[in-house]
């Protein structure tokens, strides 16, 4: 199969290292999910999010044509946290009184 940047595919995690997880895309092709691409926010230990043998849905974010290395991302498929939303307050209105 010819892979292209932006494709969304499923693969199986074949190995986990401190810097990322290797994913088998087919019998001949593997890609890497870097630790920064597995989840929004800070990831202390990638093993808390991914396990060997787990099936994952990933997006191809880069292909090095010279070496053939494929970079993958789970984070691109997750909905980003919306920081623009207003904070909801509880039912009472808190007032400050100065004396």
PDB file of N, CA and C in Angstrom:
ATOM      1  N   UNK A   1       0.844  -1.185   0.000  1.00  0.00           N
ATOM      2  CA  UNK A   1       0.000   0.000   0.000  1.00  0.00           C
ATOM      3  C   UNK A   1       0.885   1.241   0.000  1.00  0.00           C
ATOM      4  N   UNK A   2       0.508   2.215  -0.754  1.00  0.00           N
ATOM      5  CA  UNK A   2       1.255   3.470  -0.807  1.00  0.00           C
ATOM      6  C   UNK A   2       0.654   4.423   0.223  1.00  0.00           C
ATOM      7  N   UNK A   3       1.462   4.831   1.178  1.00  0.00           N
ATOM      8  CA  UNK A   3       0.997   5.711   2.245  1.00  0.00           C
ATOM      9  C   UNK A   3       1.240   7.165   1.871  1.00  0.00           C
ATOM     10  N   UNK A   4       0.331   8.037   2.327  1.00  0.00           N
ATOM     11  CA  UNK A   4       0.440   9.468   2.074  1.00  0.00           C
ATOM     12  C   UNK A   4       0.199  10.229   3.376  1.00  0.00           C
ATOM     13  N   UNK A   5       0.780  11.399   3.470  1.00  0.00           N
ATOM     14  CA  UNK A   5       0.576  12.256   4.637  1.00  0.00           C
ATOM     15  C   UNK A   5      -0.904  12.628   4.715  1.00  0.00           C
ATOM     16  N   UNK A   6      -1.459  12.526   5.906  1.00  0.00           N
ATOM     17  CA  UNK A   6      -2.868  12.841   6.130  1.00  0.00           C
ATOM     18  C   UNK A   6      -3.771  11.624   6.159  1.00  0.00           C
ATOM     19  N   UNK A   7      -3.253  10.474   5.734  1.00  0.00           N
ATOM     20  CA  UNK A   7      -4.065   9.253   5.762  1.00  0.00           C
ATOM     21  C   UNK A   7      -4.328   8.832   7.203  1.00  0.00           C
ATOM     22  N   UNK A   8      -5.523   8.325   7.452  1.00  0.00           N
ATOM     23  CA  UNK A   8      -5.882   7.791   8.763  1.00  0.00           C
ATOM     24  C   UNK A   8      -6.013   6.282   8.604  1.00  0.00           C
ATOM     25  N   UNK A   9      -5.212   5.547   9.379  1.00  0.00           N
ATOM     26  CA  UNK A   9      -5.172   4.094   9.253  1.00  0.00           C
ATOM     27  C   UNK A   9      -5.134   3.450  10.631  1.00  0.00           C
ATOM     28  N   UNK A  10      -5.356   2.146  10.663  1.00  0.00           N
ATOM     29  CA  UNK A  10      -5.257   1.388  11.909  1.00  0.00           C
ATOM     30  C   UNK A  10      -4.015   0.531  11.876  1.00  0.00           C
ATOM     31  N   UNK A  11      -3.403   0.386  13.037  1.00  0.00           N
ATOM     32  CA  UNK A  11      -2.219  -0.452  13.154  1.00  0.00           C
ATOM     33  C   UNK A  11      -2.136  -1.054  14.542  1.00  0.00           C
ATOM     34  N   UNK A  12      -1.191  -1.968  14.708  1.00  0.00           N
ATOM     35  CA  UNK A  12      -0.999  -2.644  15.993  1.00  0.00           C
ATOM     36  C   UNK A  12       0.337  -2.213  16.587  1.00  0.00           C
ATOM     37  N   UNK A  13       0.337  -1.887  17.870  1.00  0.00           N
ATOM     38  CA  UNK A  13       1.565  -1.486  18.550  1.00  0.00           C
ATOM     39  C   UNK A  13       2.442  -2.716  18.745  1.00  0.00           C
ATOM     40  N   UNK A  14       3.687  -2.612  18.248  1.00  0.00           N
ATOM     41  CA  UNK A  14       4.611  -3.749  18.321  1.00  0.00           C
ATOM     42  C   UNK A  14       5.711  -3.547  19.346  1.00  0.00           C
ATOM     43  N   UNK A  15       5.942  -2.309  19.761  1.00  0.00           N
ATOM     44  CA  UNK A  15       6.987  -2.054  20.745  1.00  0.00           C
ATOM     45  C   UNK A  15       6.844  -0.670  21.339  1.00  0.00           C
ATOM     46  N   UNK A  16       7.306  -0.535  22.584  1.00  0.00           N
ATOM     47  CA  UNK A  16       7.242   0.753  23.271  1.00  0.00           C
ATOM     48  C   UNK A  16       8.616   1.080  23.832  1.00  0.00           C
ATOM     49  N   UNK A  17       9.062   2.295  23.574  1.00  0.00           N
ATOM     50  CA  UNK A  17      10.316   2.823  24.096  1.00  0.00           C
ATOM     51  C   UNK A  17       9.994   4.095  24.874  1.00  0.00           C
ATOM     52  N   UNK A  18      10.933   4.614  25.673  1.00  0.00           N
ATOM     53  CA  UNK A  18      10.649   5.841  26.428  1.00  0.00           C
ATOM     54  C   UNK A  18      10.302   7.040  25.539  1.00  0.00           C
ATOM     55  N   UNK A  19      10.737   7.036  24.295  1.00  0.00           N
ATOM     56  CA  UNK A  19      10.514   8.164  23.388  1.00  0.00           C
ATOM     57  C   UNK A  19       9.296   7.993  22.477  1.00  0.00           C
ATOM     58  N   UNK A  20       8.684   6.794  22.444  1.00  0.00           N
ATOM     59  CA  UNK A  20       7.534   6.597  21.575  1.00  0.00           C
ATOM     60  C   UNK A  20       7.165   5.136  21.405  1.00  0.00           C
ATOM     61  N   UNK A  21       6.202   4.895  20.518  1.00  0.00           N
ATOM     62  CA  UNK A  21       5.700   3.536  20.278  1.00  0.00           C
ATOM     63  C   UNK A  21       5.796   3.209  18.793  1.00  0.00           C
ATOM     64  N   UNK A  22       6.207   1.971  18.494  1.00  0.00           N
ATOM     65  CA  UNK A  22       6.287   1.503  17.121  1.00  0.00           C
ATOM     66  C   UNK A  22       4.977   0.821  16.752  1.00  0.00           C
ATOM     67  N   UNK A  23       4.485   1.140  15.559  1.00  0.00           N
ATOM     68  CA  UNK A  23       3.198   0.632  15.104  1.00  0.00           C
ATOM     69  C   UNK A  23       3.394  -0.089  13.777  1.00  0.00           C
ATOM     70  N   UNK A  24       2.877  -1.311  13.698  1.00  0.00           N
ATOM     71  CA  UNK A  24       2.900  -2.072  12.456  1.00  0.00           C
ATOM     72  C   UNK A  24       1.684  -1.681  11.630  1.00  0.00           C
ATOM     73  N   UNK A  25       1.935  -1.100  10.456  1.00  0.00           N
ATOM     74  CA  UNK A  25       0.848  -0.668   9.584  1.00  0.00           C
ATOM     75  C   UNK A  25       0.407  -1.791   8.655  1.00  0.00           C
ATOM     76  N   UNK A  26       1.352  -2.600   8.221  1.00  0.00           N
ATOM     77  CA  UNK A  26       1.079  -3.814   7.454  1.00  0.00           C
ATOM     78  C   UNK A  26       2.253  -4.765   7.692  1.00  0.00           C
ATOM     79  N   UNK A  27       2.342  -5.830   6.915  1.00  0.00           N
ATOM     80  CA  UNK A  27       3.390  -6.827   7.146  1.00  0.00           C
ATOM     81  C   UNK A  27       4.803  -6.293   6.928  1.00  0.00           C
ATOM     82  N   UNK A  28       4.958  -5.260   6.083  1.00  0.00           N
ATOM     83  CA  UNK A  28       6.287  -4.744   5.760  1.00  0.00           C
ATOM     84  C   UNK A  28       6.569  -3.355   6.305  1.00  0.00           C
ATOM     85  N   UNK A  29       5.574  -2.642   6.767  1.00  0.00           N
ATOM     86  CA  UNK A  29       5.730  -1.229   7.097  1.00  0.00           C
ATOM     87  C   UNK A  29       5.461  -0.964   8.573  1.00  0.00           C
ATOM     88  N   UNK A  30       6.384  -0.202   9.183  1.00  0.00           N
ATOM     89  CA  UNK A  30       6.204   0.248  10.564  1.00  0.00           C
ATOM     90  C   UNK A  30       6.338   1.757  10.624  1.00  0.00           C
ATOM     91  N   UNK A  31       5.702   2.347  11.622  1.00  0.00           N
ATOM     92  CA  UNK A  31       5.809   3.772  11.860  1.00  0.00           C
ATOM     93  C   UNK A  31       6.035   4.014  13.340  1.00  0.00           C
ATOM     94  N   UNK A  32       6.327   5.266  13.684  1.00  0.00           N
ATOM     95  CA  UNK A  32       6.602   5.638  15.069  1.00  0.00           C
ATOM     96  C   UNK A  32       5.643   6.727  15.520  1.00  0.00           C
ATOM     97  N   UNK A  33       5.031   6.502  16.685  1.00  0.00           N
ATOM     98  CA  UNK A  33       4.261   7.555  17.359  1.00  0.00           C
ATOM     99  C   UNK A  33       5.190   8.133  18.412  1.00  0.00           C
ATOM    100  N   UNK A  34       5.659   9.357  18.203  1.00  0.00           N
ATOM    101  CA  UNK A  34       6.516   9.996  19.199  1.00  0.00           C
ATOM    102  C   UNK A  34       5.686  10.282  20.444  1.00  0.00           C
ATOM    103  N   UNK A  35       6.325  10.297  21.599  1.00  0.00           N
ATOM    104  CA  UNK A  35       5.611  10.494  22.870  1.00  0.00           C
ATOM    105  C   UNK A  35       4.805  11.796  22.871  1.00  0.00           C
ATOM    106  N   UNK A  36       5.285  12.810  22.154  1.00  0.00           N
ATOM    107  CA  UNK A  36       4.565  14.084  22.101  1.00  0.00           C
ATOM    108  C   UNK A  36       3.326  14.014  21.214  1.00  0.00           C
ATOM    109  N   UNK A  37       3.181  12.948  20.434  1.00  0.00           N
ATOM    110  CA  UNK A  37       2.051  12.805  19.523  1.00  0.00           C
ATOM    111  C   UNK A  37       1.019  11.783  19.991  1.00  0.00           C
ATOM    112  N   UNK A  38       1.167  11.292  21.236  1.00  0.00           N
ATOM    113  CA  UNK A  38       0.220  10.264  21.672  1.00  0.00           C
ATOM    114  C   UNK A  38      -0.960  10.845  22.448  1.00  0.00           C
ATOM    115  N   UNK A  39      -0.849  12.065  22.956  1.00  0.00           N
ATOM    116  CA  UNK A  39      -1.933  12.633  23.749  1.00  0.00           C
ATOM    117  C   UNK A  39      -1.706  14.131  23.904  1.00  0.00           C
ATOM    118  N   UNK A  40      -2.802  14.907  23.996  1.00  0.00           N
ATOM    119  CA  UNK A  40      -2.670  16.340  24.265  1.00  0.00           C
ATOM    120  C   UNK A  40      -2.131  16.533  25.676  1.00  0.00           C
ATOM    121  N   UNK A  41      -1.268  17.493  25.857  1.00  0.00           N
ATOM    122  CA  UNK A  41      -0.704  17.764  27.167  1.00  0.00           C
ATOM    123  C   UNK A  41       0.562  16.962  27.411  1.00  0.00           C
ATOM    124  N   UNK A  42       1.030  17.016  28.646  1.00  0.00           N
ATOM    125  CA  UNK A  42       2.283  16.365  29.022  1.00  0.00           C
ATOM    126  C   UNK A  42       2.062  14.874  29.264  1.00  0.00           C
ATOM    127  N   UNK A  43       2.931  14.055  28.686  1.00  0.00           N
ATOM    128  CA  UNK A  43       2.878  12.607  28.884  1.00  0.00           C
ATOM    129  C   UNK A  43       4.144  12.200  29.621  1.00  0.00           C
ATOM    130  N   UNK A  44       3.991  11.773  30.862  1.00  0.00           N
ATOM    131  CA  UNK A  44       5.135  11.369  31.676  1.00  0.00           C
ATOM    132  C   UNK A  44       5.622   9.984  31.280  1.00  0.00           C
ATOM    133  N   UNK A  45       4.692   9.052  31.113  1.00  0.00           N
ATOM    134  CA  UNK A  45       5.037   7.674  30.784  1.00  0.00           C
ATOM    135  C   UNK A  45       4.093   7.187  29.688  1.00  0.00           C
ATOM    136  N   UNK A  46       4.646   6.879  28.538  1.00  0.00           N
ATOM    137  CA  UNK A  46       3.822   6.468  27.394  1.00  0.00           C
ATOM    138  C   UNK A  46       3.098   5.157  27.666  1.00  0.00           C
ATOM    139  N   UNK A  47       3.639   4.343  28.570  1.00  0.00           N
ATOM    140  CA  UNK A  47       3.008   3.054  28.892  1.00  0.00           C
ATOM    141  C   UNK A  47       1.668   3.233  29.611  1.00  0.00           C
ATOM    142  N   UNK A  48       1.399   4.426  30.135  1.00  0.00           N
ATOM    143  CA  UNK A  48       0.096   4.695  30.748  1.00  0.00           C
ATOM    144  C   UNK A  48      -0.998   4.867  29.696  1.00  0.00           C
ATOM    145  N   UNK A  49      -0.618   5.135  28.443  1.00  0.00           N
ATOM    146  CA  UNK A  49      -1.582   5.379  27.376  1.00  0.00           C
ATOM    147  C   UNK A  49      -1.657   4.246  26.362  1.00  0.00           C
ATOM    148  N   UNK A  50      -0.524   3.573  26.118  1.00  0.00           N
ATOM    149  CA  UNK A  50      -0.463   2.562  25.065  1.00  0.00           C
ATOM    150  C   UNK A  50       0.113   1.259  25.588  1.00  0.00           C
ATOM    151  N   UNK A  51      -0.334   0.148  25.018  1.00  0.00           N
ATOM    152  CA  UNK A  51       0.143  -1.187  25.399  1.00  0.00           C
ATOM    153  C   UNK A  51       0.551  -1.949  24.139  1.00  0.00           C
ATOM    154  N   UNK A  52       1.538  -2.833  24.262  1.00  0.00           N
ATOM    155  CA  UNK A  52       1.960  -3.674  23.145  1.00  0.00           C
ATOM    156  C   UNK A  52       0.802  -4.595  22.759  1.00  0.00           C
ATOM    157  N   UNK A  53       0.523  -4.688  21.464  1.00  0.00           N
ATOM    158  CA  UNK A  53      -0.578  -5.500  20.960  1.00  0.00           C
ATOM    159  C   UNK A  53      -1.870  -4.729  20.767  1.00  0.00           C
ATOM    160  N   UNK A  54      -1.938  -3.523  21.292  1.00  0.00           N
ATOM    161  CA  UNK A  54      -3.143  -2.700  21.187  1.00  0.00           C
ATOM    162  C   UNK A  54      -3.320  -2.199  19.750  1.00  0.00           C
ATOM    163  N   UNK A  55      -4.552  -2.219  19.266  1.00  0.00           N
ATOM    164  CA  UNK A  55      -4.871  -1.639  17.959  1.00  0.00           C
ATOM    165  C   UNK A  55      -5.132  -0.150  18.158  1.00  0.00           C
ATOM    166  N   UNK A  56      -4.538   0.673  17.301  1.00  0.00           N
ATOM    167  CA  UNK A  56      -4.699   2.122  17.407  1.00  0.00           C
ATOM    168  C   UNK A  56      -5.047   2.702  16.047  1.00  0.00           C
ATOM    169  N   UNK A  57      -5.790   3.783  16.088  1.00  0.00           N
ATOM    170  CA  UNK A  57      -6.114   4.553  14.885  1.00  0.00           C
ATOM    171  C   UNK A  57      -5.172   5.742  14.870  1.00  0.00           C
ATOM    172  N   UNK A  58      -4.419   5.906  13.788  1.00  0.00           N
ATOM    173  CA  UNK A  58      -3.390   6.943  13.719  1.00  0.00           C
ATOM    174  C   UNK A  58      -3.490   7.714  12.410  1.00  0.00           C
ATOM    175  N   UNK A  59      -2.890   8.910  12.429  1.00  0.00           N
ATOM    176  CA  UNK A  59      -2.775   9.718  11.220  1.00  0.00           C
ATOM    177  C   UNK A  59      -1.302   9.808  10.845  1.00  0.00           C
ATOM    178  N   UNK A  60      -1.011   9.693   9.565  1.00  0.00           N
ATOM    179  CA  UNK A  60       0.362   9.857   9.084  1.00  0.00           C
ATOM    180  C   UNK A  60       0.638  11.349   8.999  1.00  0.00           C
ATOM    181  N   UNK A  61       1.647  11.817   9.762  1.00  0.00           N
ATOM    182  CA  UNK A  61       1.954  13.246   9.779  1.00  0.00           C
ATOM    183  C   UNK A  61       3.236  13.576   9.027  1.00  0.00           C
ATOM    184  N   UNK A  62       4.077  12.572   8.749  1.00  0.00           N
ATOM    185  CA  UNK A  62       5.305  12.834   8.002  1.00  0.00           C
ATOM    186  C   UNK A  62       5.849  11.528   7.444  1.00  0.00           C
ATOM    187  N   UNK A  63       6.434  11.608   6.260  1.00  0.00           N
ATOM    188  CA  UNK A  63       7.117  10.472   5.648  1.00  0.00           C
ATOM    189  C   UNK A  63       8.454  10.971   5.136  1.00  0.00           C
ATOM    190  N   UNK A  64       9.534  10.390   5.637  1.00  0.00           N
ATOM    191  CA  UNK A  64      10.867  10.724   5.155  1.00  0.00           C
ATOM    192  C   UNK A  64      11.127   9.864   3.919  1.00  0.00           C
ATOM    193  N   UNK A  65      11.104  10.475   2.752  1.00  0.00           N
ATOM    194  CA  UNK A  65      11.233   9.716   1.511  1.00  0.00           C
ATOM    195  C   UNK A  65      12.618   9.109   1.349  1.00  0.00           C
ATOM    196  N   UNK A  66      13.630   9.708   1.950  1.00  0.00           N
ATOM    197  CA  UNK A  66      14.987   9.193   1.825  1.00  0.00           C
ATOM    198  C   UNK A  66      15.182   7.925   2.653  1.00  0.00           C
ATOM    199  N   UNK A  67      14.720   7.953   3.912  1.00  0.00           N
ATOM    200  CA  UNK A  67      14.898   6.793   4.797  1.00  0.00           C
ATOM    201  C   UNK A  67      13.662   5.892   4.843  1.00  0.00           C
ATOM    202  N   UNK A  68      12.518   6.409   4.424  1.00  0.00           N
ATOM    203  CA  UNK A  68      11.288   5.621   4.459  1.00  0.00           C
ATOM    204  C   UNK A  68      10.618   5.596   5.818  1.00  0.00           C
ATOM    205  N   UNK A  69      11.080   6.420   6.757  1.00  0.00           N
ATOM    206  CA  UNK A  69      10.484   6.445   8.095  1.00  0.00           C
ATOM    207  C   UNK A  69       9.152   7.185   8.066  1.00  0.00           C
ATOM    208  N   UNK A  70       8.176   6.620   8.789  1.00  0.00           N
ATOM    209  CA  UNK A  70       6.831   7.189   8.835  1.00  0.00           C
ATOM    210  C   UNK A  70       6.550   7.664  10.254  1.00  0.00           C
ATOM    211  N   UNK A  71       6.152   8.932  10.387  1.00  0.00           N
ATOM    212  CA  UNK A  71       5.777   9.495  11.686  1.00  0.00           C
ATOM    213  C   UNK A  71       4.261   9.490  11.802  1.00  0.00           C
ATOM    214  N   UNK A  72       3.783   9.037  12.956  1.00  0.00           N
ATOM    215  CA  UNK A  72       2.351   8.873  13.182  1.00  0.00           C
ATOM    216  C   UNK A  72       1.888   9.723  14.357  1.00  0.00           C
ATOM    217  N   UNK A  73       0.587   9.979  14.426  1.00  0.00           N
ATOM    218  CA  UNK A  73       0.027  10.754  15.528  1.00  0.00           C
ATOM    219  C   UNK A  73      -1.352  10.238  15.907  1.00  0.00           C
ATOM    220  N   UNK A  74      -1.562  10.094  17.203  1.00  0.00           N
ATOM    221  CA  UNK A  74      -2.902   9.839  17.742  1.00  0.00           C
ATOM    222  C   UNK A  74      -3.515  11.174  18.145  1.00  0.00           C
ATOM    223  N   UNK A  75      -2.669  12.087  18.598  1.00  0.00           N
ATOM    224  CA  UNK A  75      -3.104  13.391  19.087  1.00  0.00           C
ATOM    225  C   UNK A  75      -3.874  14.173  18.025  1.00  0.00           C
ATOM    226  N   UNK A  76      -3.492  14.038  16.759  1.00  0.00           N
ATOM    227  CA  UNK A  76      -4.186  14.750  15.682  1.00  0.00           C
ATOM    228  C   UNK A  76      -5.642  14.330  15.547  1.00  0.00           C
ATOM    229  N   UNK A  77      -5.956  13.130  15.995  1.00  0.00           N
ATOM    230  CA  UNK A  77      -7.323  12.622  15.872  1.00  0.00           C
ATOM    231  C   UNK A  77      -8.171  12.923  17.100  1.00  0.00           C
ATOM    232  N   UNK A  78      -7.535  13.369  18.180  1.00  0.00           N
ATOM    233  CA  UNK A  78      -8.274  13.707  19.398  1.00  0.00           C
ATOM    234  C   UNK A  78      -8.802  15.122  19.300  1.00  0.00           C
ATOM    235  N   UNK A  79      -9.919  15.352  19.958  1.00  0.00           N
ATOM    236  CA  UNK A  79     -10.472  16.696  20.015  1.00  0.00           C
ATOM    237  C   UNK A  79      -9.649  17.508  21.012  1.00  0.00           C
ATOM    238  N   UNK A  80      -9.176  18.647  20.573  1.00  0.00           N
ATOM    239  CA  UNK A  80      -8.375  19.504  21.446  1.00  0.00           C
ATOM    240  C   UNK A  80      -9.266  20.164  22.491  1.00  0.00           C
ATOM    241  N   UNK A  81      -8.699  20.434  23.654  1.00  0.00           N
ATOM    242  CA  UNK A  81      -9.438  21.103  24.716  1.00  0.00           C
ATOM    243  C   UNK A  81      -9.705  22.544  24.305  1.00  0.00           C
ATOM    244  N   UNK A  82     -10.925  22.996  24.502  1.00  0.00           N
ATOM    245  CA  UNK A  82     -11.322  24.345  24.118  1.00  0.00           C
ATOM    246  C   UNK A  82     -11.095  25.294  25.291  1.00  0.00           C
ATOM    247  N   UNK A  83     -10.029  26.093  25.209  1.00  0.00           N
ATOM    248  CA  UNK A  83      -9.704  27.030  26.278  1.00  0.00           C
ATOM    249  C   UNK A  83     -10.560  28.296  26.209  1.00  0.00           C
ATOM    250  N   UNK A  84     -11.254  28.524  25.117  1.00  0.00           N
ATOM    251  CA  UNK A  84     -12.019  29.752  24.957  1.00  0.00           C
ATOM    252  C   UNK A  84     -13.375  29.701  25.661  1.00  0.00           C
ATOM    253  N   UNK A  85     -13.809  28.512  26.065  1.00  0.00           N
ATOM    254  CA  UNK A  85     -15.100  28.387  26.743  1.00  0.00           C
ATOM    255  C   UNK A  85     -15.082  29.116  28.083  1.00  0.00           C
ATOM    256  N   UNK A  86     -16.184  29.725  28.394  1.00  0.00           N
ATOM    257  CA  UNK A  86     -16.294  30.390  29.690  1.00  0.00           C
ATOM    258  C   UNK A  86     -16.382  29.354  30.796  1.00  0.00           C
ATOM    259  N   UNK A  87     -15.813  29.699  31.927  1.00  0.00           N
ATOM    260  CA  UNK A  87     -15.956  28.821  33.091  1.00  0.00           C
ATOM    261  C   UNK A  87     -17.379  28.948  33.609  1.00  0.00           C
ATOM    262  N   UNK A  88     -17.980  27.819  33.890  1.00  0.00           N
ATOM    263  CA  UNK A  88     -19.345  27.840  34.418  1.00  0.00           C
ATOM    264  C   UNK A  88     -19.281  27.965  35.933  1.00  0.00           C
ATOM    265  N   UNK A  89     -20.111  28.826  36.430  1.00  0.00           N
ATOM    266  CA  UNK A  89     -20.153  29.035  37.874  1.00  0.00           C
ATOM    267  C   UNK A  89     -21.281  28.220  38.476  1.00  0.00           C
ATOM    268  N   UNK A  90     -21.137  27.968  39.748  1.00  0.00           N
ATOM    269  CA  UNK A  90     -22.207  27.251  40.435  1.00  0.00           C
ATOM    270  C   UNK A  90     -23.409  28.178  40.610  1.00  0.00           C
ATOM    271  N   UNK A  91     -24.448  27.693  41.231  1.00  0.00           N
ATOM    272  CA  UNK A  91     -25.714  28.395  41.313  1.00  0.00           C
ATOM    273  C   UNK A  91     -25.718  29.696  42.094  1.00  0.00           C
ATOM    274  N   UNK A  92     -24.716  29.966  42.919  1.00  0.00           N
ATOM    275  CA  UNK A  92     -24.767  31.198  43.701  1.00  0.00           C
ATOM    276  C   UNK A  92     -23.817  32.236  43.116  1.00  0.00           C
ATOM    277  N   UNK A  93     -24.111  33.491  43.433  1.00  0.00           N
ATOM    278  CA  UNK A  93     -23.292  34.600  42.965  1.00  0.00           C
ATOM    279  C   UNK A  93     -22.435  35.071  44.139  1.00  0.00           C
ATOM    280  N   UNK A  94     -21.154  34.929  44.044  1.00  0.00           N
ATOM    281  CA  UNK A  94     -20.241  35.298  45.122  1.00  0.00           C
ATOM    282  C   UNK A  94     -19.913  36.785  45.014  1.00  0.00           C
ATOM    283  N   UNK A  95     -20.153  37.505  46.126  1.00  0.00           N
ATOM    284  CA  UNK A  95     -19.869  38.938  46.135  1.00  0.00           C
ATOM    285  C   UNK A  95     -18.833  39.233  47.198  1.00  0.00           C
ATOM    286  N   UNK A  96     -18.000  40.202  46.903  1.00  0.00           N
ATOM    287  CA  UNK A  96     -16.991  40.627  47.872  1.00  0.00           C
ATOM    288  C   UNK A  96     -17.414  41.969  48.446  1.00  0.00           C
ATOM    289  N   UNK A  97     -17.344  42.065  49.767  1.00  0.00           N
ATOM    290  CA  UNK A  97     -17.676  43.310  50.442  1.00  0.00           C
ATOM    291  C   UNK A  97     -16.440  43.811  51.155  1.00  0.00           C
ATOM    292  N   UNK A  98     -16.137  45.056  50.943  1.00  0.00           N
ATOM    293  CA  UNK A  98     -14.983  45.666  51.602  1.00  0.00           C
ATOM    294  C   UNK A  98     -15.463  46.411  52.840  1.00  0.00           C
ATOM    295  N   UNK A  99     -14.697  46.321  53.894  1.00  0.00           N
ATOM    296  CA  UNK A  99     -15.080  47.021  55.123  1.00  0.00           C
ATOM    297  C   UNK A  99     -14.145  48.135  55.445  1.00  0.00           C
TER     298      UNK A  99
END
